[in-house]
Amino acid sequence: MPSYVIVAIGILIVLGLIIKLRINAFIALITAALAVSFLADGEMTEKVSRVATEFGVAAGKIGLVIGFAAVIGEAMMRSGAADRIVQASLALLGEKRAPWALMGSGFVLSVPVFFDTVFYLLVPLARSLYRKTGKNFLLYVMAICAGGAITHTLVPPTPGPLAMAITLDISVGLMIVVGALVGMPAAVAGIAFARFVDARVTIESLVEQEPAAGSSHTDSGDAASDAAATPRYEESQMPLWEALLPVILPVALISGDTVVGTLLSETTTPNIFDSIKPFTEVLGNPSLALLMSMAVALVTWVRLKKPEGREFSAAVETALLSGGLVILITAAGGAFGAMLKVTGIAGDIQVAFEDSGSVGLVSIFLAFGMASLLKVAQGSSTTAMITVSAMMAAMNLTPDELGFNMVYIATAIGAGSLIGSWMNDSGFWIVAKMSGLSETEALKTWTPLLLVLGGVSLLMTILLSYVLPLTNVT
């Protein structure tokens, strides 16, 4: 059977099970992997075992880092570290620049913390600012969304970007740096769009009970909104460096190893980096870097809040359970991608593109388009990133063929996974209900905001792929 047909069958199985039958993504991806394995060439006795083997390989690559990242986020929330970062941003920029402070806080916090948790943390602050100023509530909310959503899809150790980096064999440090470079202009564009919609969209729940500046009453009768209106945290006295350490430490260690490796690749003569590289390679290993970051976050929580044994173990277990499902889906996506490779699709694609001078640009648009389609269809950015990165990995594209590093394929996927958030996306409902927006208002604000973020990220990906191709960086 032709490879294109087998791959199409596999993709249709994934989409059909997830969208039509509402089957969990883990089961859908494993089912598709088995189907593709049976249709592809190979010994019949190995067709099931090779799926299990590839599942184990993928889980081995991703399991530790996702588990550690989940615990880091939980510990930062409970210790007050996340709160301290927000307070510092507001103190630095002031009330007039509050949207930038909220965007920056969301941008930083969504690196180790899931987007929904970041939004739960910051939306009460947006309401407090609105009650104080009597204006710009939608601007504050959209600023949080712009910062939080962009790093959720572009910067590890958030599970989606982390899974893409490992699946596409990209240095995690490189993914952090390039993801941030792509995401920053998109977040700024998000602020501009937030100002645009704030001036043009009226939120009915706010009109019903308009607050005067400096008043203290809530602005919505909705129960979820009332709950969100009360800030859930107190002023934290934690030193800012201690609050930022769980975020900065792994980024510095992982990125440091990438920088040293890049400098070594630029020269063939012996230099100081030859002696440094063994140490940066160990310390910059994502698993070890995140383990150290997790230890720092947990020690800070225990030192400041002194949780009881039961509370401590329950919180860590809850975090690991949330990360466990992501590990299963990611490993299943890895198995699915490995089975797509078995079909020989890579060779057929290379033959199709061998006379084309635009393999790289075509691949970027293909990655973006498939991620957008899957996001619109099934609602999960993380599932879209994991699935499409497995598909792109099956093509066995190289920097020489593309004309740029594979990291830009990953950022294109991340950009596409932002597009098309609507009623089947949990993020849509989190933003709508916690902000007191109606479904129509969310479709007029949150949905187009993500379109802007995804579109600017795609443009930045294309621009950087030409200006900074990074073909020699591994």
Protein backbone atom coordinates (compact mmCIF):
# COMPACT_ATOMS: atom_id res chain seq x y z
CA MET A 1 0.00 0.00 0.00
CA PRO A 2 1.40 3.50 -0.87
CA SER A 3 2.85 5.42 2.06
CA TYR A 4 0.59 8.43 1.46
CA VAL A 5 -2.50 6.24 1.78
CA ILE A 6 -1.29 4.63 5.03
CA VAL A 7 -0.42 8.03 6.53
CA ALA A 8 -3.82 9.42 5.48
CA ILE A 9 -5.55 6.46 7.15
CA GLY A 10 -3.57 7.05 10.34
CA ILE A 11 -4.44 10.75 10.42
CA LEU A 12 -8.11 10.04 9.74
CA ILE A 13 -8.19 7.54 12.61
CA VAL A 14 -6.74 10.14 15.00
CA LEU A 15 -9.15 12.86 13.88
CA GLY A 16 -12.17 10.53 13.78
CA LEU A 17 -11.62 9.07 17.24
CA ILE A 18 -10.87 12.41 18.90
CA ILE A 19 -13.42 14.61 17.13
CA LYS A 20 -16.32 12.32 16.29
CA LEU A 21 -16.18 9.76 19.07
CA ARG A 22 -14.62 11.99 21.76
CA ILE A 23 -12.04 9.32 22.55
CA ASN A 24 -9.09 10.37 24.73
CA ALA A 25 -6.09 11.48 22.66
CA PHE A 26 -3.86 8.79 24.21
CA ILE A 27 -6.15 5.97 23.07
CA ALA A 28 -6.68 7.59 19.66
CA LEU A 29 -2.95 7.96 18.99
CA ILE A 30 -2.09 4.42 20.10
CA THR A 31 -4.93 3.01 17.99
CA ALA A 32 -3.71 4.95 14.96
CA ALA A 33 -0.13 3.83 15.61
CA LEU A 34 -1.20 0.18 15.68
CA ALA A 35 -3.27 0.59 12.52
CA VAL A 36 -0.37 2.19 10.66
CA SER A 37 2.04 -0.45 11.95
CA PHE A 38 -0.16 -3.27 10.63
CA LEU A 39 -0.54 -1.58 7.23
CA ALA A 40 3.18 -0.83 6.87
CA ASP A 41 5.84 -3.32 5.87
CA GLY A 42 7.49 -5.55 8.44
CA GLU A 43 7.25 -8.92 10.17
CA MET A 44 3.75 -9.59 11.44
CA THR A 45 5.09 -10.73 14.81
CA GLU A 46 6.78 -7.35 15.35
CA LYS A 47 3.94 -5.03 14.38
CA VAL A 48 2.55 -4.67 17.89
CA SER A 49 5.85 -4.85 19.76
CA ARG A 50 7.43 -2.05 17.74
CA VAL A 51 4.61 0.29 18.76
CA ALA A 52 5.18 -0.59 22.42
CA THR A 53 8.94 -0.15 22.01
CA GLU A 54 8.60 3.30 20.45
CA PHE A 55 6.09 4.28 23.13
CA GLY A 56 8.68 3.39 25.76
CA VAL A 57 11.43 5.31 23.95
CA ALA A 58 9.28 8.45 23.77
CA ALA A 59 8.18 8.14 27.41
CA GLY A 60 11.81 7.74 28.47
CA LYS A 61 12.74 11.00 26.76
CA ILE A 62 9.86 13.08 28.07
CA GLY A 63 8.62 11.51 31.30
CA LEU A 64 11.03 13.00 33.83
CA VAL A 65 10.98 16.57 32.53
CA ILE A 66 7.19 16.80 32.35
CA GLY A 67 6.81 15.31 35.83
CA PHE A 68 9.35 17.74 37.29
CA ALA A 69 7.78 20.71 35.46
CA ALA A 70 4.34 19.88 36.84
CA VAL A 71 5.66 19.85 40.42
CA ILE A 72 7.58 23.12 39.88
CA GLY A 73 4.39 24.88 38.83
CA GLU A 74 2.42 23.57 41.81
CA ALA A 75 5.15 24.52 44.28
CA MET A 76 5.47 28.04 42.86
CA MET A 77 1.75 28.58 43.24
CA ARG A 78 1.63 27.32 46.81
CA SER A 79 4.77 29.08 48.03
CA GLY A 80 3.70 32.47 46.73
CA ALA A 81 6.56 32.67 44.20
CA ALA A 82 4.12 33.19 41.34
CA ASP A 83 2.40 35.97 43.27
CA ARG A 84 5.72 37.66 44.00
CA ILE A 85 6.61 37.77 40.29
CA VAL A 86 3.28 39.46 39.53
CA GLN A 87 3.74 41.99 42.34
CA ALA A 88 7.25 42.84 41.12
CA SER A 89 6.00 43.37 37.57
CA LEU A 90 3.30 45.79 38.73
CA ALA A 91 5.68 47.62 41.06
CA LEU A 92 8.23 48.03 38.27
CA LEU A 93 5.88 49.26 35.57
CA GLY A 94 3.21 51.02 37.63
CA GLU A 95 -0.57 51.15 37.30
CA LYS A 96 -0.51 53.03 33.98
CA ARG A 97 1.51 50.22 32.45
CA ALA A 98 -0.46 47.48 34.20
CA PRO A 99 -1.35 45.71 30.91
CA TRP A 100 2.37 45.28 30.19
CA ALA A 101 2.95 44.02 33.73
CA LEU A 102 0.12 41.50 33.40
CA MET A 103 1.32 40.40 29.97
CA GLY A 104 4.89 40.04 31.23
CA SER A 105 3.76 38.08 34.28
CA GLY A 106 1.73 35.74 32.11
CA PHE A 107 4.66 35.36 29.70
CA VAL A 108 7.05 34.32 32.49
CA LEU A 109 4.68 32.24 34.58
CA SER A 110 3.38 30.14 31.68
CA VAL A 111 6.89 28.75 31.16
CA PRO A 112 6.74 26.50 34.27
CA VAL A 113 2.99 26.77 35.05
CA PHE A 114 0.02 25.64 32.94
CA PHE A 115 -1.96 28.42 31.24
CA ASP A 116 -5.19 27.76 33.13
CA THR A 117 -3.36 28.02 36.47
CA VAL A 118 -1.71 31.28 35.41
CA PHE A 119 -5.07 32.69 34.39
CA TYR A 120 -6.68 31.68 37.70
CA LEU A 121 -3.84 33.48 39.47
CA LEU A 122 -3.89 36.72 37.48
CA VAL A 123 -7.56 37.36 36.64
CA PRO A 124 -8.42 38.47 40.22
CA LEU A 125 -5.70 41.08 39.86
CA ALA A 126 -7.29 42.28 36.61
CA ARG A 127 -10.59 42.66 38.45
CA SER A 128 -8.94 44.54 41.31
CA LEU A 129 -7.36 46.97 38.84
CA TYR A 130 -10.71 47.44 37.12
CA ARG A 131 -12.46 48.20 40.41
CA LYS A 132 -9.77 50.77 41.15
CA THR A 133 -9.74 52.50 37.75
CA GLY A 134 -13.27 51.85 36.53
CA LYS A 135 -12.01 51.04 33.01
CA ASN A 136 -9.93 48.73 30.80
CA PHE A 137 -11.09 45.42 32.30
CA LEU A 138 -11.04 43.68 28.91
CA LEU A 139 -7.58 45.12 28.20
CA TYR A 140 -6.26 43.65 31.46
CA VAL A 141 -7.78 40.23 30.77
CA MET A 142 -6.55 40.08 27.17
CA ALA A 143 -3.07 41.18 28.29
CA ILE A 144 -2.93 38.17 30.63
CA CYS A 145 -4.09 35.92 27.80
CA ALA A 146 -1.53 37.31 25.34
CA GLY A 147 1.41 36.65 27.66
CA GLY A 148 0.23 33.31 28.97
CA ALA A 149 -0.98 31.72 25.73
CA ILE A 150 2.14 32.46 23.70
CA THR A 151 4.70 30.81 25.98
CA HIS A 152 2.26 27.94 26.57
CA THR A 153 2.81 26.93 22.92
CA LEU A 154 6.38 28.06 22.24
CA VAL A 155 8.67 27.88 25.30
CA PRO A 156 9.69 24.74 27.25
CA PRO A 157 9.36 23.31 29.83
CA THR A 158 5.66 23.78 29.09
CA PRO A 159 4.68 20.23 27.99
CA GLY A 160 3.69 21.00 24.38
CA PRO A 161 6.87 22.84 23.34
CA LEU A 162 8.97 20.39 25.36
CA ALA A 163 7.39 17.44 23.55
CA MET A 164 7.99 19.11 20.18
CA ALA A 165 11.66 19.72 20.96
CA ILE A 166 12.24 16.09 21.91
CA THR A 167 10.14 14.64 19.07
CA LEU A 168 11.88 16.77 16.43
CA ASP A 169 15.31 16.22 18.03
CA ILE A 170 15.83 19.90 18.83
CA SER A 171 17.97 21.14 21.70
CA VAL A 172 15.65 22.21 24.52
CA GLY A 173 17.86 25.23 25.12
CA LEU A 174 17.53 26.27 21.49
CA MET A 175 13.76 25.79 21.69
CA ILE A 176 13.64 28.08 24.75
CA VAL A 177 15.65 30.84 23.07
CA VAL A 178 13.94 30.72 19.66
CA GLY A 179 10.50 30.21 21.19
CA ALA A 180 10.98 33.37 23.25
CA LEU A 181 12.26 35.30 20.21
CA VAL A 182 9.18 34.28 18.22
CA GLY A 183 6.80 34.79 21.12
CA MET A 184 7.84 38.26 22.31
CA PRO A 185 6.73 40.20 19.19
CA ALA A 186 3.52 38.15 19.14
CA ALA A 187 2.80 39.08 22.77
CA VAL A 188 3.40 42.78 21.96
CA ALA A 189 1.00 42.48 19.04
CA GLY A 190 -1.43 40.86 21.47
CA ILE A 191 -1.30 43.98 23.68
CA ALA A 192 -2.05 46.17 20.65
CA PHE A 193 -5.02 43.99 19.73
CA ALA A 194 -6.19 43.99 23.36
CA ARG A 195 -6.33 47.79 23.30
CA PHE A 196 -8.26 47.61 20.03
CA VAL A 197 -10.97 45.28 21.33
CA ASP A 198 -11.14 47.00 24.72
CA ALA A 199 -12.21 50.20 22.97
CA ARG A 200 -14.79 48.48 20.77
CA VAL A 201 -16.32 45.54 22.66
CA THR A 202 -18.74 46.17 25.51
CA ILE A 203 -18.90 43.53 28.23
CA GLU A 204 -22.53 43.26 29.30
CA SER A 205 -21.76 41.93 32.79
CA LEU A 206 -19.81 45.13 33.48
CA VAL A 207 -22.51 47.43 32.12
CA GLU A 208 -25.09 45.92 34.48
CA GLN A 209 -23.21 47.21 37.51
CA GLU A 210 -20.59 49.80 36.51
CA PRO A 211 -18.10 50.54 39.33
CA ALA A 212 -16.83 53.97 40.15
CA ALA A 213 -13.08 54.37 40.35
CA GLY A 214 -11.89 53.33 43.77
CA SER A 215 -15.08 51.40 44.62
CA SER A 216 -14.81 47.96 46.15
CA HIS A 217 -17.90 46.09 44.94
CA THR A 218 -17.79 43.38 42.31
CA ASP A 219 -18.88 43.93 38.75
CA SER A 220 -20.77 40.78 37.86
CA GLY A 221 -23.58 38.78 39.31
CA ASP A 222 -22.28 35.56 37.85
CA ALA A 223 -21.19 33.11 40.54
CA ALA A 224 -17.98 32.17 38.78
CA SER A 225 -17.16 35.83 38.27
CA ASP A 226 -17.85 36.67 41.89
CA ALA A 227 -15.49 33.93 42.97
CA ALA A 228 -12.86 35.26 40.62
CA ALA A 229 -13.35 38.81 41.85
CA THR A 230 -11.74 38.07 45.21
CA PRO A 231 -7.96 37.83 44.96
CA ARG A 232 -6.79 34.43 46.12
CA TYR A 233 -3.42 35.52 47.38
CA GLU A 234 -1.81 37.81 49.92
CA GLU A 235 1.13 40.17 49.53
CA SER A 236 4.25 38.01 49.43
CA GLN A 237 7.43 39.13 51.21
CA MET A 238 9.56 36.58 49.38
CA PRO A 239 12.74 38.01 47.77
CA LEU A 240 12.22 38.40 44.04
CA TRP A 241 15.37 36.42 43.19
CA GLU A 242 14.03 33.47 45.17
CA ALA A 243 10.67 33.64 43.40
CA LEU A 244 12.32 33.75 39.97
CA LEU A 245 14.95 31.09 40.68
CA PRO A 246 12.82 28.04 39.70
CA VAL A 247 12.23 29.69 36.30
CA ILE A 248 15.67 31.16 35.70
CA LEU A 249 17.75 28.19 36.88
CA PRO A 250 16.67 25.58 34.28
CA VAL A 251 16.52 28.17 31.49
CA ALA A 252 20.07 29.33 32.30
CA LEU A 253 21.50 25.80 32.59
CA ILE A 254 19.84 24.42 29.47
CA SER A 255 20.44 27.52 27.36
CA GLY A 256 24.02 27.76 28.63
CA ASP A 257 24.81 24.31 27.26
CA THR A 258 23.27 25.28 23.92
CA VAL A 259 25.38 28.45 23.76
CA VAL A 260 28.61 26.58 24.58
CA GLY A 261 27.81 23.92 21.99
CA THR A 262 27.13 26.59 19.37
CA LEU A 263 30.40 28.38 20.10
CA LEU A 264 32.30 25.10 19.84
CA SER A 265 30.72 24.33 16.46
CA GLU A 266 31.99 27.65 15.09
CA THR A 267 35.69 26.80 15.59
CA THR A 268 37.97 23.82 15.09
CA THR A 269 40.84 25.10 17.25
CA PRO A 270 41.07 24.12 20.95
CA ASN A 271 39.66 26.74 23.31
CA ILE A 272 38.24 27.19 26.80
CA PHE A 273 34.84 25.86 25.75
CA ASP A 274 36.33 22.39 25.21
CA SER A 275 36.97 22.11 28.95
CA ILE A 276 33.64 23.69 29.90
CA LYS A 277 31.46 21.58 27.60
CA PRO A 278 31.46 18.37 29.72
CA PHE A 279 30.13 20.31 32.72
CA THR A 280 27.52 22.31 30.80
CA GLU A 281 26.38 19.13 29.07
CA VAL A 282 25.67 17.46 32.41
CA LEU A 283 24.17 20.48 34.17
CA GLY A 284 22.27 21.49 31.03
CA ASN A 285 20.58 18.12 30.67
CA PRO A 286 16.86 19.03 30.85
CA SER A 287 16.08 16.27 33.34
CA LEU A 288 18.81 17.32 35.78
CA ALA A 289 18.14 21.05 35.32
CA LEU A 290 14.43 20.61 36.06
CA LEU A 291 15.16 18.28 38.97
CA MET A 292 17.29 21.02 40.57
CA SER A 293 14.62 23.60 39.80
CA MET A 294 11.97 21.38 41.38
CA ALA A 295 14.11 20.98 44.51
CA VAL A 296 14.49 24.76 44.78
CA ALA A 297 10.76 25.34 44.34
CA LEU A 298 9.84 22.69 46.94
CA VAL A 299 12.40 23.95 49.49
CA THR A 300 11.04 27.49 49.11
CA TRP A 301 7.47 26.29 49.63
CA VAL A 302 8.38 24.24 52.70
CA ARG A 303 10.49 27.05 54.18
CA LEU A 304 7.86 29.74 53.78
CA LYS A 305 4.53 27.94 54.19
CA LYS A 306 5.56 24.90 56.26
CA PRO A 307 2.91 22.56 54.80
CA GLU A 308 1.92 19.50 56.79
CA GLY A 309 3.03 16.13 55.52
CA ARG A 310 -0.37 15.21 54.14
CA GLU A 311 -0.81 18.55 52.38
CA PHE A 312 2.67 18.34 50.89
CA SER A 313 2.30 14.80 49.55
CA ALA A 314 -1.22 15.46 48.23
CA ALA A 315 -0.10 18.57 46.33
CA VAL A 316 2.86 16.79 44.74
CA GLU A 317 0.69 13.82 43.83
CA THR A 318 -1.93 16.08 42.23
CA ALA A 319 0.75 17.77 40.15
CA LEU A 320 2.20 14.44 39.03
CA LEU A 321 -1.23 13.12 38.10
CA SER A 322 -1.82 16.14 35.86
CA GLY A 323 1.56 15.60 34.24
CA GLY A 324 0.98 11.86 33.87
CA LEU A 325 -1.73 12.24 31.24
CA VAL A 326 0.49 14.58 29.24
CA ILE A 327 3.30 11.98 29.38
CA LEU A 328 0.94 9.27 28.09
CA ILE A 329 -0.31 11.43 25.22
CA THR A 330 3.20 12.56 24.33
CA ALA A 331 4.58 9.01 24.32
CA ALA A 332 1.63 7.83 22.24
CA GLY A 333 2.32 10.64 19.79
CA GLY A 334 5.95 9.51 19.62
CA ALA A 335 4.87 5.95 18.84
CA PHE A 336 2.49 7.21 16.16
CA GLY A 337 5.24 9.30 14.56
CA ALA A 338 7.64 6.35 14.61
CA MET A 339 5.10 4.18 12.82
CA LEU A 340 4.60 6.88 10.19
CA LYS A 341 8.35 6.73 9.54
CA VAL A 342 8.09 2.96 9.00
CA THR A 343 5.75 3.59 6.05
CA GLY A 344 8.58 5.20 4.07
CA ILE A 345 6.75 8.52 3.83
CA ALA A 346 10.03 10.43 4.25
CA GLY A 347 11.50 9.09 1.02
CA ASP A 348 8.32 9.75 -0.94
CA ILE A 349 8.16 13.33 0.33
CA GLN A 350 11.80 13.93 -0.57
CA VAL A 351 11.13 12.69 -4.08
CA ALA A 352 8.13 15.01 -4.37
CA PHE A 353 10.14 18.01 -3.19
CA GLU A 354 13.53 17.27 -4.76
CA ASP A 355 13.04 19.68 -7.65
CA SER A 356 11.50 22.38 -5.48
CA GLY A 357 13.47 25.31 -4.12
CA SER A 358 10.91 26.02 -1.43
CA VAL A 359 10.96 22.89 0.70
CA GLY A 360 11.54 24.93 3.85
CA LEU A 361 8.70 27.41 3.31
CA VAL A 362 6.31 24.66 2.23
CA SER A 363 7.19 22.68 5.37
CA ILE A 364 6.56 25.70 7.62
CA PHE A 365 3.12 26.28 6.10
CA LEU A 366 2.36 22.54 6.22
CA ALA A 367 3.27 22.36 9.92
CA PHE A 368 1.26 25.51 10.71
CA GLY A 369 -1.75 24.38 8.67
CA MET A 370 -1.94 20.88 10.15
CA ALA A 371 -1.63 22.22 13.70
CA SER A 372 -4.33 24.82 13.02
CA LEU A 373 -6.66 22.20 11.57
CA LEU A 374 -6.17 19.85 14.49
CA LYS A 375 -6.60 22.65 17.05
CA VAL A 376 -9.86 23.83 15.47
CA ALA A 377 -11.08 20.25 15.20
CA GLN A 378 -10.34 18.95 18.70
CA GLY A 379 -9.59 22.01 20.86
CA SER A 380 -6.31 21.10 22.57
CA SER A 381 -3.13 23.00 21.69
CA THR A 382 -0.97 20.40 23.44
CA THR A 383 -2.55 17.52 21.52
CA ALA A 384 -2.13 19.44 18.27
CA MET A 385 1.56 20.09 19.01
CA ILE A 386 2.30 16.50 19.99
CA THR A 387 0.44 14.98 17.03
CA VAL A 388 1.75 17.29 14.31
CA SER A 389 5.34 17.22 15.55
CA ALA A 390 5.18 13.42 15.30
CA MET A 391 3.91 13.76 11.72
CA MET A 392 6.65 16.22 10.78
CA ALA A 393 9.32 14.07 12.43
CA ALA A 394 8.23 11.20 10.19
CA MET A 395 9.31 13.23 7.16
CA ASN A 396 12.97 13.07 8.29
CA LEU A 397 13.66 16.59 7.08
CA THR A 398 17.15 17.97 7.68
CA PRO A 399 18.47 21.54 8.02
CA ASP A 400 20.28 21.11 4.69
CA GLU A 401 17.00 20.30 2.92
CA LEU A 402 15.02 22.99 4.73
CA GLY A 403 17.62 25.73 4.66
CA PHE A 404 17.09 26.35 8.40
CA ASN A 405 17.03 24.60 11.76
CA MET A 406 14.15 22.26 12.66
CA VAL A 407 13.32 24.59 15.56
CA TYR A 408 11.38 26.73 13.09
CA ILE A 409 9.17 23.78 12.21
CA ALA A 410 8.43 23.51 15.93
CA THR A 411 7.56 27.22 16.26
CA ALA A 412 5.34 26.96 13.18
CA ILE A 413 3.48 24.09 14.82
CA GLY A 414 3.21 26.07 18.06
CA ALA A 415 1.85 29.07 16.14
CA GLY A 416 -0.73 26.92 14.39
CA SER A 417 -1.83 25.30 17.64
CA LEU A 418 -3.02 28.72 18.86
CA ILE A 419 -5.43 29.26 15.99
CA GLY A 420 -9.16 28.65 16.23
CA SER A 421 -10.03 28.47 19.93
CA TRP A 422 -13.79 28.07 20.36
CA MET A 423 -16.30 26.03 22.36
CA ASN A 424 -14.35 22.76 22.17
CA ASP A 425 -11.27 24.33 23.81
CA SER A 426 -11.07 24.25 27.61
CA GLY A 427 -9.07 27.49 27.49
CA PHE A 428 -12.04 29.21 25.87
CA TRP A 429 -14.28 28.33 28.81
CA ILE A 430 -11.65 29.16 31.44
CA VAL A 431 -11.21 32.65 30.02
CA ALA A 432 -14.94 33.19 29.47
CA LYS A 433 -16.20 32.00 32.85
CA MET A 434 -13.43 33.42 35.01
CA SER A 435 -13.74 36.80 33.24
CA GLY A 436 -17.54 36.93 33.20
CA LEU A 437 -17.64 36.99 29.39
CA SER A 438 -20.56 35.54 27.46
CA GLU A 439 -19.80 32.99 24.74
CA THR A 440 -20.34 35.64 22.06
CA GLU A 441 -18.03 38.10 23.83
CA ALA A 442 -15.34 35.44 24.16
CA LEU A 443 -15.64 34.68 20.44
CA LYS A 444 -15.19 38.40 19.70
CA THR A 445 -12.15 38.81 21.94
CA TRP A 446 -10.28 35.66 23.01
CA THR A 447 -10.67 33.81 19.69
CA PRO A 448 -9.35 36.62 17.44
CA LEU A 449 -6.59 37.40 19.97
CA LEU A 450 -5.20 33.90 19.46
CA LEU A 451 -5.51 34.38 15.70
CA VAL A 452 -3.29 37.46 16.03
CA LEU A 453 -0.81 35.63 18.27
CA GLY A 454 -0.61 32.67 15.90
CA GLY A 455 -0.35 34.84 12.80
CA VAL A 456 2.45 37.03 14.16
CA SER A 457 4.28 33.93 15.44
CA LEU A 458 4.11 32.43 11.94
CA LEU A 459 5.47 35.62 10.39
CA MET A 460 8.28 35.76 12.96
CA THR A 461 9.08 32.11 12.27
CA ILE A 462 9.41 32.77 8.54
CA LEU A 463 11.47 35.94 9.12
CA LEU A 464 13.88 34.31 11.56
CA SER A 465 14.27 31.22 9.35
CA TYR A 466 15.76 33.51 6.70
CA VAL A 467 17.61 35.98 8.92
CA LEU A 468 18.87 33.47 11.52
CA PRO A 469 18.70 30.00 9.90
CA LEU A 470 20.87 28.28 12.59
CA THR A 471 21.64 25.41 10.22
CA ASN A 472 24.82 24.49 12.12
CA VAL A 473 23.24 24.58 15.61
CA THR A 474 22.25 21.23 17.11
